[in-house]
C-alpha atoms as a PDB file:
ATOM      1  CA  MET A   1     -16.132  16.710  -4.031  1.00  0.00           C
ATOM      2  CA  ALA A   2     -13.819  16.954  -1.210  1.00  0.00           C
ATOM      3  CA  SER A   3     -15.183  13.770   0.429  1.00  0.00           C
ATOM      4  CA  GLY A   4     -14.723  11.881  -2.917  1.00  0.00           C
ATOM      5  CA  GLU A   5     -11.230  13.127  -3.476  1.00  0.00           C
ATOM      6  CA  GLY A   6     -10.406  12.099   0.160  1.00  0.00           C
ATOM      7  CA  LYS A   7     -11.726   8.668  -0.324  1.00  0.00           C
ATOM      8  CA  ASP A   8      -9.756   8.430  -3.662  1.00  0.00           C
ATOM      9  CA  SER A   9      -6.531   9.300  -2.238  1.00  0.00           C
ATOM     10  CA  LEU A  10      -7.092   7.059   0.612  1.00  0.00           C
ATOM     11  CA  LYS A  11      -7.600   4.099  -1.866  1.00  0.00           C
ATOM     12  CA  GLN A  12      -4.432   5.154  -3.598  1.00  0.00           C
ATOM     13  CA  SER A  13      -2.383   5.351  -0.578  1.00  0.00           C
ATOM     14  CA  ASP A  14      -3.673   2.129   0.709  1.00  0.00           C
ATOM     15  CA  LEU A  15      -2.780   0.499  -2.472  1.00  0.00           C
ATOM     16  CA  GLU A  16       0.540   1.921  -2.673  1.00  0.00           C
ATOM     17  CA  PHE A  17       1.168   1.128   1.103  1.00  0.00           C
ATOM     18  CA  ARG A  18       0.142  -2.528   0.300  1.00  0.00           C
ATOM     19  CA  SER A  19       2.354  -2.660  -2.649  1.00  0.00           C
ATOM     20  CA  GLY A  20       5.252  -1.282  -0.535  1.00  0.00           C
ATOM     21  CA  ILE A  21       4.604  -3.922   2.117  1.00  0.00           C
ATOM     22  CA  LEU A  22       4.514  -6.664  -0.604  1.00  0.00           C
ATOM     23  CA  ARG A  23       7.825  -5.353  -2.086  1.00  0.00           C
ATOM     24  CA  GLY A  24       9.555  -4.647   1.016  1.00  0.00           C
ATOM     25  CA  ALA A  25       8.462  -7.120   3.763  1.00  0.00           C
ATOM     26  CA  GLY A  26       7.763  -9.737   0.901  1.00  0.00           C
ATOM     27  CA  SER A  27      11.491  -9.581   0.183  1.00  0.00           C
ATOM     28  CA  GLN A  28      12.432  -9.852   3.747  1.00  0.00           C
ATOM     29  CA  ASP A  29       9.903 -12.763   4.520  1.00  0.00           C
ATOM     30  CA  GLY A  30      11.218 -14.640   1.325  1.00  0.00           C
ATOM     31  CA  ASP A  31      14.808 -14.313   2.699  1.00  0.00           C
ATOM     32  CA  ALA A  32      13.916 -15.271   6.215  1.00  0.00           C
ATOM     33  CA  GLY A  33      11.522 -17.946   5.121  1.00  0.00           C
END
């Protein structure tokens, strides 16, 4: 149970982290590019 929940949270965090990069860094890259 704990392991499964941990994996799920990691997946969610990863998705949110990537989304943040795409939104934040993506905007910066677009302006710089």
